[in-house]
Amino acid sequence: MRWFISIRYFLSHKRQSLICILGVTISVTMFIAMTALMHGLTDKFIVETVEGSGHITIKDEPRETKTAILETAYKDPNALLEVRGVKPRETVKKIRNANGLLTKLDHMPGIVAAAPIVNGAAIATYGTKTINLTILGVDPERQLRVTTIGKDLIAGDFARLRTSADGVILGRGVADVLGANLDDTIVLASSTGGKTTARVVGIFQTGVTPIDYSRAYMLINSAQTLLDKKNIVNEIIIRTDDYNQAEPYAAQIERIAGYRTESWQEASANFLKIFKIQNLITYIITAALLIVAAFGVLNILIMAVLERVNDIAILKSFGFSRLDVAVIYVFQGLVVGLIGSGVGLLCGKLTIEVLRRVPVPMEGLVKTEGLLMSEHASQYWLAFISSMIIVVGAAVYTAWRAARYDPVEVIRGAH
């Protein structure tokens, strides 16, 4: 009986009920679309950065710089000490016994592959155009196993680094700035005085602008000669079986290697903080939309209660308890929430599909040809549960107010 009366009340105010449902639908749709847009940018950056640069990087430096003199003279780890007049010693930075470390990594559980790298700054010249870039000397076979650089090639072949003397693979942005195309010959000069002519054997595009406009790959032996780093390995990049577990793997590897070992989360910490702030702002805005919709539902339900004060009194005189009256109005809120949320989820999905097809070329932190939309089941569940809690909360308040009416006072005309 309570459900029947609730439905009758709900259908007797079709216009108000439709407005309530529409408010919830729009709020849920905006929640899903905005969170998909924010997650799209984050996921694009993370995936392209992680897959293109490796999950973990071993650096050619210790985690902390220690002073041997202090450690020898003072054993107290809590002592506050300062050494003045210390002249830095010029040392060659490198990972010692890199081949032995690579062998250990190849046999570690959870490690898919590892690759050595020598890197350094250089200037590329083609005609009258020049650009500063970072040269990465790699082992082609290992590099293809550690990163997705092979899939990112839009011209040429990574294997040509082996077959071409001083071959180089340029980022799309570097190639565009220089105006160089496949098989063109450019001049590379390092800060240490090394200089060589290199044939462009490939062009890659990761979609991450800072990488595409600053990076070039060479065979590790050629890069070591150019950068004056004979037999030196500066970094070892590692691919794991789950990039979300990169941090614990990095801590384990650092204990083994004795060198600073960074997970992709640590290396990209600044960008991840920005994304967290963006997501927080998005959730605040979408939560505000849901709250506005809840106030609309609350207002309309309160008006419905005021219009049906006499009906409530009659129901109570026929034996309906306060709980029965409350259930009638809570059920109306449930109906509004379920219909509005359900339609909102469907509209949110359709909105995402439409926005994905809108051609909006963008080039900033990442380069895309359209809006980046990323869907996760958690988005839909969060939107549904949040809208139901807020709408039902508004209905509960209304139900509580309706249940308070005393039928005797209503009949006497006190209300």
Protein backbone atom coordinates (compact mmCIF):
# COMPACT_ATOMS: atom_id res chain seq x y z
CA MET A 1 0.00 0.00 0.00
CA ARG A 2 2.80 2.43 0.88
CA TRP A 3 4.51 1.85 -2.49
CA PHE A 4 1.20 2.30 -4.34
CA ILE A 5 0.48 5.63 -2.64
CA SER A 6 4.02 6.80 -3.26
CA ILE A 7 3.75 6.06 -6.98
CA ARG A 8 0.38 7.83 -7.16
CA TYR A 9 1.87 10.92 -5.52
CA PHE A 10 4.89 10.74 -7.82
CA LEU A 11 2.78 10.51 -11.00
CA SER A 12 0.32 13.17 -9.89
CA HIS A 13 3.07 15.79 -10.20
CA LYS A 14 4.54 14.77 -13.55
CA ARG A 15 6.13 18.13 -14.31
CA GLN A 16 7.84 18.47 -10.94
CA SER A 17 8.96 14.84 -11.01
CA LEU A 18 10.40 15.29 -14.49
CA ILE A 19 12.33 18.38 -13.39
CA CYS A 20 13.80 16.43 -10.45
CA ILE A 21 14.86 13.57 -12.70
CA LEU A 22 16.31 15.98 -15.27
CA GLY A 23 18.39 17.75 -12.61
CA VAL A 24 19.88 14.47 -11.40
CA THR A 25 20.47 13.28 -14.98
CA ILE A 26 22.36 16.42 -15.98
CA SER A 27 24.49 16.30 -12.83
CA VAL A 28 25.44 12.65 -13.30
CA THR A 29 26.16 13.21 -17.00
CA MET A 30 28.47 16.15 -16.24
CA PHE A 31 30.16 14.16 -13.47
CA ILE A 32 31.02 11.30 -15.82
CA ALA A 33 32.05 13.51 -18.76
CA MET A 34 34.31 15.80 -16.70
CA THR A 35 36.01 12.99 -14.79
CA ALA A 36 36.55 11.11 -18.07
CA LEU A 37 38.20 14.19 -19.55
CA MET A 38 40.51 14.67 -16.56
CA HIS A 39 41.40 10.97 -16.40
CA GLY A 40 42.03 10.99 -20.14
CA LEU A 41 44.82 13.55 -19.87
CA THR A 42 46.33 11.83 -16.83
CA ASP A 43 46.22 8.35 -18.36
CA LYS A 44 47.66 9.55 -21.66
CA PHE A 45 50.61 11.23 -19.96
CA ILE A 46 51.28 8.33 -17.58
CA VAL A 47 51.02 5.57 -20.17
CA GLU A 48 53.08 7.35 -22.82
CA THR A 49 55.73 8.44 -20.31
CA VAL A 50 55.97 5.09 -18.55
CA GLU A 51 55.91 2.94 -21.68
CA GLY A 52 58.24 5.26 -23.58
CA SER A 53 60.82 5.84 -20.84
CA GLY A 54 60.67 2.69 -18.73
CA HIS A 55 59.12 1.91 -15.36
CA ILE A 56 62.30 2.25 -13.28
CA THR A 57 65.60 4.06 -13.86
CA ILE A 58 68.91 3.35 -12.14
CA LYS A 59 71.01 6.54 -12.03
CA ASP A 60 74.80 6.83 -11.93
CA GLU A 61 74.75 8.45 -8.47
CA PRO A 62 74.06 7.43 -4.87
CA ARG A 63 70.78 8.32 -3.16
CA GLU A 64 72.64 10.55 -0.66
CA THR A 65 75.97 12.33 -0.94
CA LYS A 66 78.16 11.40 2.00
CA THR A 67 81.34 13.05 3.26
CA ALA A 68 83.99 10.42 4.00
CA ILE A 69 85.96 12.77 6.27
CA LEU A 70 83.02 13.32 8.58
CA GLU A 71 82.13 9.64 8.71
CA THR A 72 85.70 8.77 9.69
CA ALA A 73 86.13 11.46 12.37
CA TYR A 74 82.64 11.39 13.93
CA LYS A 75 80.67 8.22 14.56
CA ASP A 76 77.57 9.87 16.04
CA PRO A 77 74.86 9.82 13.33
CA ASN A 78 72.95 12.62 15.11
CA ALA A 79 75.85 15.08 15.21
CA LEU A 80 75.43 18.36 13.30
CA LEU A 81 78.65 18.86 11.33
CA GLU A 82 79.86 21.22 8.64
CA VAL A 83 82.97 21.03 6.48
CA ARG A 84 84.25 24.22 4.87
CA GLY A 85 86.71 24.69 2.07
CA VAL A 86 86.13 21.27 0.54
CA LYS A 87 87.08 21.22 -3.12
CA PRO A 88 85.00 18.89 -5.27
CA ARG A 89 86.96 16.14 -6.97
CA GLU A 90 86.40 15.61 -10.62
CA THR A 91 85.13 12.08 -11.06
CA VAL A 92 83.63 10.22 -13.98
CA LYS A 93 80.01 9.43 -13.23
CA LYS A 94 79.05 5.94 -14.33
CA ILE A 95 77.42 2.73 -13.21
CA ARG A 96 80.21 0.33 -12.34
CA ASN A 97 79.95 -3.26 -13.54
CA ALA A 98 76.83 -2.42 -15.54
CA ASN A 99 76.89 -5.77 -17.35
CA GLY A 100 76.93 -7.69 -14.06
CA LEU A 101 74.03 -5.62 -12.78
CA LEU A 102 72.08 -6.24 -16.00
CA THR A 103 72.58 -9.98 -15.54
CA LYS A 104 71.18 -9.79 -12.00
CA LEU A 105 68.18 -7.77 -13.17
CA ASP A 106 67.45 -10.24 -15.96
CA HIS A 107 66.98 -12.96 -13.34
CA MET A 108 64.94 -10.93 -10.82
CA PRO A 109 61.28 -11.92 -10.34
CA GLY A 110 58.92 -9.26 -11.67
CA ILE A 111 61.52 -7.70 -13.98
CA VAL A 112 60.62 -8.13 -17.65
CA ALA A 113 63.69 -6.49 -19.19
CA ALA A 114 66.52 -4.03 -18.53
CA ALA A 115 68.57 -1.88 -20.92
CA PRO A 116 71.76 0.19 -20.54
CA ILE A 117 71.88 3.83 -21.60
CA VAL A 118 74.55 6.46 -22.00
CA ASN A 119 73.15 9.96 -22.23
CA GLY A 120 74.36 13.49 -22.67
CA ALA A 121 73.55 16.87 -24.13
CA ALA A 122 74.25 17.69 -27.76
CA ILE A 123 73.43 20.23 -30.46
CA ALA A 124 71.93 19.04 -33.73
CA THR A 125 72.46 21.10 -36.88
CA TYR A 126 70.78 20.73 -40.25
CA GLY A 127 71.47 23.51 -42.70
CA THR A 128 70.92 26.73 -40.81
CA LYS A 129 68.68 25.16 -38.16
CA THR A 130 69.98 24.05 -34.75
CA ILE A 131 68.35 22.54 -31.66
CA ASN A 132 69.54 21.38 -28.25
CA LEU A 133 68.67 17.79 -27.50
CA THR A 134 69.47 14.83 -25.29
CA ILE A 135 71.28 11.93 -26.92
CA LEU A 136 70.41 8.47 -25.62
CA GLY A 137 72.86 5.76 -26.60
CA VAL A 138 71.03 2.42 -26.47
CA ASP A 139 71.26 -1.25 -27.21
CA PRO A 140 68.48 -1.54 -29.84
CA GLU A 141 67.36 -5.06 -28.97
CA ARG A 142 67.17 -4.40 -25.22
CA GLN A 143 65.59 -0.98 -25.73
CA LEU A 144 62.73 -2.45 -27.77
CA ARG A 145 62.00 -4.88 -24.94
CA VAL A 146 62.03 -2.20 -22.24
CA THR A 147 60.03 0.55 -23.96
CA THR A 148 57.46 0.95 -26.73
CA ILE A 149 59.78 3.07 -28.86
CA GLY A 150 59.45 0.57 -31.71
CA LYS A 151 55.69 1.16 -31.85
CA ASP A 152 56.17 4.94 -31.65
CA LEU A 153 58.20 5.08 -34.88
CA ILE A 154 56.36 6.93 -37.64
CA ALA A 155 59.23 6.57 -40.12
CA GLY A 156 62.27 4.32 -40.46
CA ASP A 157 63.27 1.28 -38.43
CA PHE A 158 64.95 1.00 -35.01
CA ALA A 159 67.06 -1.91 -36.27
CA ARG A 160 68.81 0.47 -38.72
CA LEU A 161 70.87 1.78 -35.79
CA ARG A 162 72.87 -1.44 -36.15
CA THR A 163 73.29 -1.26 -39.92
CA SER A 164 73.93 2.48 -40.41
CA ALA A 165 77.15 4.16 -39.36
CA ASP A 166 76.30 6.87 -36.77
CA GLY A 167 72.58 6.46 -37.38
CA VAL A 168 70.21 8.59 -35.29
CA ILE A 169 66.49 8.41 -34.53
CA LEU A 170 64.91 11.79 -33.87
CA GLY A 171 61.78 12.80 -32.02
CA ARG A 172 59.06 14.21 -34.25
CA GLY A 173 59.42 17.65 -32.70
CA VAL A 174 63.21 17.66 -33.19
CA ALA A 175 62.82 16.62 -36.83
CA ASP A 176 60.19 19.33 -37.43
CA VAL A 177 62.35 22.07 -35.91
CA LEU A 178 65.37 21.02 -37.99
CA GLY A 179 63.31 20.33 -41.09
CA ALA A 180 65.06 16.95 -41.40
CA ASN A 181 63.46 13.90 -42.96
CA LEU A 182 64.32 10.21 -43.15
CA ASP A 183 67.82 9.52 -44.59
CA ASP A 184 68.90 13.15 -44.28
CA THR A 185 72.34 13.79 -42.77
CA ILE A 186 72.62 16.07 -39.74
CA VAL A 187 75.59 17.23 -37.65
CA LEU A 188 75.74 16.37 -33.95
CA ALA A 189 78.11 18.15 -31.56
CA SER A 190 78.44 17.41 -27.85
CA SER A 191 79.47 19.73 -25.02
CA THR A 192 82.68 17.71 -24.59
CA GLY A 193 83.89 18.57 -28.09
CA GLY A 194 82.75 15.44 -29.88
CA LYS A 195 81.32 15.93 -33.35
CA THR A 196 79.92 13.62 -36.01
CA THR A 197 77.63 13.50 -39.02
CA ALA A 198 74.66 11.21 -38.51
CA ARG A 199 72.06 9.79 -40.88
CA VAL A 200 68.44 10.03 -39.78
CA VAL A 201 67.29 6.38 -39.78
CA GLY A 202 64.02 6.92 -37.94
CA ILE A 203 61.54 9.42 -36.53
CA PHE A 204 59.36 8.67 -33.49
CA GLN A 205 56.36 10.33 -31.90
CA THR A 206 55.29 9.40 -28.36
CA GLY A 207 52.64 12.09 -28.03
CA VAL A 208 54.42 13.56 -24.98
CA THR A 209 55.69 16.94 -26.18
CA PRO A 210 58.74 17.28 -23.84
CA ILE A 211 60.06 13.94 -25.12
CA ASP A 212 59.33 14.46 -28.81
CA TYR A 213 61.05 17.86 -28.83
CA SER A 214 64.19 16.94 -26.90
CA ARG A 215 65.24 13.33 -27.47
CA ALA A 216 67.27 11.38 -30.01
CA TYR A 217 68.52 7.78 -30.01
CA MET A 218 71.88 6.45 -31.22
CA LEU A 219 73.69 3.14 -30.98
CA ILE A 220 75.35 3.02 -27.56
CA ASN A 221 78.90 2.73 -28.99
CA SER A 222 78.36 5.72 -31.31
CA ALA A 223 76.89 7.81 -28.50
CA GLN A 224 79.78 6.95 -26.17
CA THR A 225 82.23 8.19 -28.80
CA LEU A 226 80.26 11.38 -29.49
CA LEU A 227 79.80 12.20 -25.81
CA ASP A 228 83.38 11.22 -24.90
CA LYS A 229 82.11 8.53 -22.51
CA LYS A 230 83.96 5.43 -23.65
CA ASN A 231 82.62 2.26 -22.03
CA ILE A 232 80.42 4.31 -19.73
CA VAL A 233 76.78 3.53 -18.83
CA ASN A 234 74.91 6.40 -17.15
CA GLU A 235 71.56 4.74 -16.63
CA ILE A 236 69.80 1.41 -16.70
CA ILE A 237 66.10 1.48 -17.46
CA ILE A 238 63.86 -1.35 -16.36
CA ARG A 239 60.46 -2.69 -17.35
CA THR A 240 58.41 -4.54 -14.74
CA ASP A 241 55.42 -6.84 -15.08
CA ASP A 242 53.19 -4.19 -13.45
CA TYR A 243 54.09 -0.50 -13.64
CA ASN A 244 51.83 0.25 -10.66
CA GLN A 245 54.28 -1.77 -8.53
CA ALA A 246 57.32 0.19 -9.72
CA GLU A 247 57.97 1.85 -6.35
CA PRO A 248 58.54 -1.32 -4.27
CA TYR A 249 60.58 -2.82 -7.12
CA ALA A 250 62.71 0.36 -7.24
CA ALA A 251 63.40 0.20 -3.50
CA GLN A 252 64.46 -3.44 -3.81
CA ILE A 253 66.73 -2.76 -6.79
CA GLU A 254 68.34 0.25 -5.07
CA ARG A 255 69.42 -1.98 -2.18
CA ILE A 256 71.01 -4.39 -4.66
CA ALA A 257 72.60 -1.85 -7.01
CA GLY A 258 73.73 0.76 -4.49
CA TYR A 259 72.75 3.54 -6.89
CA ARG A 260 69.83 5.96 -6.86
CA THR A 261 66.90 4.08 -8.36
CA GLU A 262 63.79 6.04 -9.34
CA SER A 263 60.35 4.67 -10.12
CA TRP A 264 58.31 6.51 -12.73
CA GLN A 265 56.14 7.83 -9.89
CA GLU A 266 59.16 9.52 -8.28
CA ALA A 267 60.50 10.84 -11.60
CA SER A 268 57.10 12.34 -12.53
CA ALA A 269 56.10 13.45 -9.03
CA ASN A 270 55.59 17.11 -10.00
CA PHE A 271 53.27 16.26 -12.87
CA LEU A 272 51.33 13.77 -10.75
CA LYS A 273 50.74 16.49 -8.12
CA ILE A 274 49.31 18.75 -10.82
CA PHE A 275 46.99 15.98 -11.99
CA LYS A 276 45.83 15.37 -8.41
CA ILE A 277 44.94 19.04 -8.04
CA GLN A 278 43.06 18.96 -11.37
CA ASN A 279 41.13 15.88 -10.28
CA LEU A 280 40.30 17.49 -6.93
CA ILE A 281 38.93 20.59 -8.67
CA THR A 282 36.89 18.39 -11.02
CA TYR A 283 35.35 16.43 -8.17
CA ILE A 284 34.52 19.63 -6.29
CA ILE A 285 32.72 21.09 -9.32
CA THR A 286 30.80 17.91 -10.10
CA ALA A 287 29.90 17.42 -6.43
CA ALA A 288 28.51 20.97 -6.42
CA LEU A 289 26.32 20.07 -9.42
CA LEU A 290 24.96 17.03 -7.57
CA ILE A 291 24.26 19.14 -4.48
CA VAL A 292 22.39 21.72 -6.59
CA ALA A 293 20.30 18.90 -8.05
CA ALA A 294 19.61 17.61 -4.53
CA PHE A 295 18.36 21.04 -3.47
CA GLY A 296 16.01 20.99 -6.45
CA VAL A 297 14.68 17.60 -5.39
CA LEU A 298 14.38 18.81 -1.80
CA ASN A 299 12.47 21.94 -2.80
CA ILE A 300 9.99 20.06 -4.99
CA LEU A 301 9.39 17.32 -2.40
CA ILE A 302 8.81 19.89 0.34
CA MET A 303 6.26 21.65 -1.87
CA ALA A 304 4.60 18.29 -2.47
CA VAL A 305 4.41 17.71 1.29
CA LEU A 306 2.89 21.14 1.90
CA GLU A 307 0.29 20.50 -0.79
CA ARG A 308 -0.65 17.16 0.77
CA VAL A 309 -0.79 18.00 4.46
CA ASN A 310 -4.45 17.03 4.62
CA ASP A 311 -3.74 13.75 2.83
CA ILE A 312 -1.02 12.97 5.40
CA ALA A 313 -3.48 13.66 8.22
CA ILE A 314 -6.07 11.36 6.66
CA LEU A 315 -3.50 8.61 6.17
CA LYS A 316 -2.48 8.85 9.83
CA SER A 317 -6.13 8.81 10.92
CA PHE A 318 -6.52 5.55 9.01
CA GLY A 319 -3.72 3.98 11.02
CA PHE A 320 -0.57 4.87 9.04
CA SER A 321 2.39 5.36 11.34
CA ARG A 322 5.09 8.01 11.06
CA LEU A 323 7.35 5.37 9.51
CA ASP A 324 4.73 4.59 6.86
CA VAL A 325 4.46 8.26 5.89
CA ALA A 326 8.24 8.63 5.85
CA VAL A 327 8.62 5.57 3.61
CA ILE A 328 6.18 7.08 1.08
CA TYR A 329 8.39 10.11 0.53
CA VAL A 330 11.69 8.28 0.78
CA PHE A 331 10.45 5.95 -1.94
CA GLN A 332 9.72 8.96 -4.18
CA GLY A 333 13.31 10.08 -3.67
CA LEU A 334 14.55 6.59 -4.53
CA VAL A 335 12.55 6.61 -7.75
CA VAL A 336 13.91 10.03 -8.73
CA GLY A 337 17.46 8.96 -7.89
CA LEU A 338 17.29 5.63 -9.70
CA ILE A 339 15.72 7.01 -12.87
CA GLY A 340 17.86 10.18 -12.92
CA SER A 341 21.09 8.30 -12.16
CA GLY A 342 20.34 5.52 -14.65
CA VAL A 343 19.57 7.94 -17.47
CA GLY A 344 22.56 10.06 -16.43
CA LEU A 345 24.92 7.08 -16.71
CA LEU A 346 23.63 6.35 -20.19
CA CYS A 347 23.88 10.01 -21.25
CA GLY A 348 27.37 10.18 -19.74
CA LYS A 349 28.47 7.21 -21.83
CA LEU A 350 26.98 8.75 -25.00
CA THR A 351 28.62 12.11 -24.20
CA ILE A 352 32.03 10.46 -23.88
CA GLU A 353 31.61 8.69 -27.23
CA VAL A 354 30.56 11.94 -28.93
CA LEU A 355 33.42 13.98 -27.44
CA ARG A 356 35.94 11.33 -28.49
CA ARG A 357 34.98 11.94 -32.10
CA VAL A 358 35.29 15.73 -31.95
CA PRO A 359 38.43 16.74 -33.91
CA VAL A 360 40.25 19.12 -31.55
CA PRO A 361 44.01 19.10 -32.28
CA MET A 362 45.95 20.02 -29.15
CA GLU A 363 49.63 20.24 -28.35
CA GLY A 364 50.75 21.01 -24.82
CA LEU A 365 52.03 18.54 -22.29
CA VAL A 366 50.75 15.87 -24.66
CA LYS A 367 49.88 16.00 -28.35
CA THR A 368 46.52 14.68 -29.50
CA GLU A 369 44.16 15.01 -32.44
CA GLY A 370 41.05 15.04 -30.26
CA LEU A 371 39.74 15.22 -26.72
CA LEU A 372 41.22 12.59 -24.43
CA MET A 373 38.47 10.63 -22.71
CA SER A 374 39.24 7.77 -20.35
CA GLU A 375 36.56 5.54 -18.83
CA HIS A 376 36.82 3.53 -15.63
CA ALA A 377 34.08 1.48 -14.00
CA SER A 378 34.82 3.34 -10.75
CA GLN A 379 33.65 6.60 -12.37
CA TYR A 380 30.21 5.19 -13.08
CA TRP A 381 29.88 3.60 -9.65
CA LEU A 382 31.02 6.79 -7.92
CA ALA A 383 28.58 8.92 -9.93
CA PHE A 384 25.68 6.52 -9.23
CA ILE A 385 26.37 6.07 -5.52
CA SER A 386 27.03 9.79 -4.92
CA SER A 387 23.84 10.87 -6.67
CA MET A 388 21.76 8.28 -4.81
CA ILE A 389 23.17 9.30 -1.42
CA ILE A 390 22.56 13.00 -2.03
CA VAL A 391 19.07 12.59 -3.52
CA VAL A 392 17.92 10.07 -0.91
CA GLY A 393 19.36 12.34 1.77
CA ALA A 394 17.11 15.14 0.51
CA ALA A 395 14.15 12.75 0.46
CA VAL A 396 14.84 11.59 4.03
CA TYR A 397 14.69 15.16 5.29
CA THR A 398 11.39 15.66 3.48
CA ALA A 399 10.05 12.36 4.85
CA TRP A 400 11.05 13.31 8.37
CA ARG A 401 9.21 16.61 8.02
CA ALA A 402 6.10 14.94 6.61
CA ALA A 403 6.06 12.33 9.40
CA ARG A 404 6.05 15.04 12.08
CA TYR A 405 2.60 16.35 11.18
CA ASP A 406 -0.03 15.65 13.84
CA PRO A 407 -3.34 14.68 12.18
CA VAL A 408 -5.38 16.26 15.01
CA GLU A 409 -3.70 19.64 14.59
CA VAL A 410 -4.06 19.46 10.82
CA ILE A 411 -7.79 18.71 11.06
CA ARG A 412 -8.24 21.57 13.54
CA GLY A 413 -6.63 23.86 10.98
CA ALA A 414 -3.36 24.45 12.84
CA HIS A 415 -1.43 23.96 9.58
